[in-house]
C-alpha atoms as a PDB file:
ATOM      1  CA  ALA A   1     -13.050 -10.629 -14.704  1.00  0.00           C
ATOM      2  CA  TRP A   2     -15.430  -7.675 -14.724  1.00  0.00           C
ATOM      3  CA  ASP A   3     -17.205  -9.039 -11.645  1.00  0.00           C
ATOM      4  CA  HIS A   4     -14.124  -8.298  -9.515  1.00  0.00           C
ATOM      5  CA  ALA A   5     -14.013  -4.630 -10.525  1.00  0.00           C
ATOM      6  CA  PRO A   6     -16.535  -3.252  -7.982  1.00  0.00           C
ATOM      7  CA  GLY A   7     -14.890  -5.054  -5.067  1.00  0.00           C
ATOM      8  CA  THR A   8     -11.378  -4.022  -5.996  1.00  0.00           C
ATOM      9  CA  LEU A   9     -12.541  -0.434  -6.435  1.00  0.00           C
ATOM     10  CA  LEU A  10     -14.170  -0.377  -2.991  1.00  0.00           C
ATOM     11  CA  ILE A  11     -11.156  -1.949  -1.309  1.00  0.00           C
ATOM     12  CA  SER A  12      -8.726   0.383  -3.068  1.00  0.00           C
ATOM     13  CA  GLU A  13     -10.784   3.481  -2.256  1.00  0.00           C
ATOM     14  CA  ALA A  14     -10.875   2.407   1.398  1.00  0.00           C
ATOM     15  CA  GLY A  15      -7.073   2.216   1.445  1.00  0.00           C
ATOM     16  CA  GLY A  16      -6.722  -1.507   0.789  1.00  0.00           C
ATOM     17  CA  TYR A  17      -4.428  -3.317  -1.592  1.00  0.00           C
ATOM     18  CA  CYS A  18      -5.562  -5.556  -4.466  1.00  0.00           C
ATOM     19  CA  ARG A  19      -3.184  -7.467  -6.697  1.00  0.00           C
ATOM     20  CA  CYS A  20      -3.222 -10.489  -8.964  1.00  0.00           C
ATOM     21  CA  LEU A  21      -1.322 -13.458  -7.596  1.00  0.00           C
ATOM     22  CA  ASP A  22       1.609 -12.642  -9.874  1.00  0.00           C
ATOM     23  CA  GLY A  23       1.901  -9.283  -8.064  1.00  0.00           C
ATOM     24  CA  SER A  24       0.580  -7.172 -10.927  1.00  0.00           C
ATOM     25  CA  PRO A  25      -2.179  -4.604 -10.382  1.00  0.00           C
ATOM     26  CA  TYR A  26      -5.716  -5.807 -11.044  1.00  0.00           C
ATOM     27  CA  ASP A  27      -6.820  -5.115 -14.614  1.00  0.00           C
ATOM     28  CA  PRO A  28     -10.317  -6.245 -15.632  1.00  0.00           C
ATOM     29  CA  ALA A  29      -9.188  -6.465 -19.272  1.00  0.00           C
ATOM     30  CA  ARG A  30      -6.461  -8.970 -18.398  1.00  0.00           C
ATOM     31  CA  ASN A  31      -7.244 -12.616 -17.754  1.00  0.00           C
ATOM     32  CA  ALA A  32      -4.989 -13.199 -14.747  1.00  0.00           C
ATOM     33  CA  LYS A  33      -5.449 -16.212 -12.516  1.00  0.00           C
ATOM     34  CA  GLY A  34      -6.096 -15.319  -8.915  1.00  0.00           C
ATOM     35  CA  LEU A  35      -6.710 -12.105  -7.044  1.00  0.00           C
ATOM     36  CA  MET A  36      -5.932 -11.287  -3.427  1.00  0.00           C
ATOM     37  CA  SER A  37      -6.942  -8.217  -1.434  1.00  0.00           C
ATOM     38  CA  THR A  38      -5.550  -7.074   1.903  1.00  0.00           C
ATOM     39  CA  GLY A  39      -5.311  -3.923   3.977  1.00  0.00           C
ATOM     40  CA  SER A  40      -1.800  -2.999   2.842  1.00  0.00           C
ATOM     41  CA  ALA A  41       1.036  -3.970   0.527  1.00  0.00           C
ATOM     42  CA  ALA A  42       2.949  -5.453   3.460  1.00  0.00           C
ATOM     43  CA  ALA A  43      -0.055  -7.564   4.476  1.00  0.00           C
ATOM     44  CA  TRP A  44      -0.465  -8.714   0.869  1.00  0.00           C
ATOM     45  CA  GLN A  45       3.147  -9.875   0.716  1.00  0.00           C
ATOM     46  CA  ALA A  46       2.969 -11.596   4.105  1.00  0.00           C
ATOM     47  CA  SER A  47      -0.249 -13.370   3.100  1.00  0.00           C
ATOM     48  CA  TYR A  48       1.210 -14.392  -0.241  1.00  0.00           C
ATOM     49  CA  ASP A  49       4.342 -15.749   1.425  1.00  0.00           C
ATOM     50  CA  ALA A  50       2.302 -17.697   3.984  1.00  0.00           C
ATOM     51  CA  LEU A  51      -0.047 -19.167   1.386  1.00  0.00           C
ATOM     52  CA  PHE A  52       2.463 -20.012  -1.310  1.00  0.00           C
ATOM     53  CA  ALA A  53       5.683 -20.744   0.590  1.00  0.00           C
ATOM     54  CA  THR A  54       7.574 -23.674  -0.860  1.00  0.00           C
END
């Protein structure tokens, strides 16, 4: 999980939005499955809905 930390930091500092696929904030100490980064919270939700719609 530590290998995602630099990327999520850069994206977050640039104003982007990084969350685990369960919607929780990225935490390198937590072993969550899946990570998605977008330009905003709204874009994250729209992408999530499009990818995982049932």
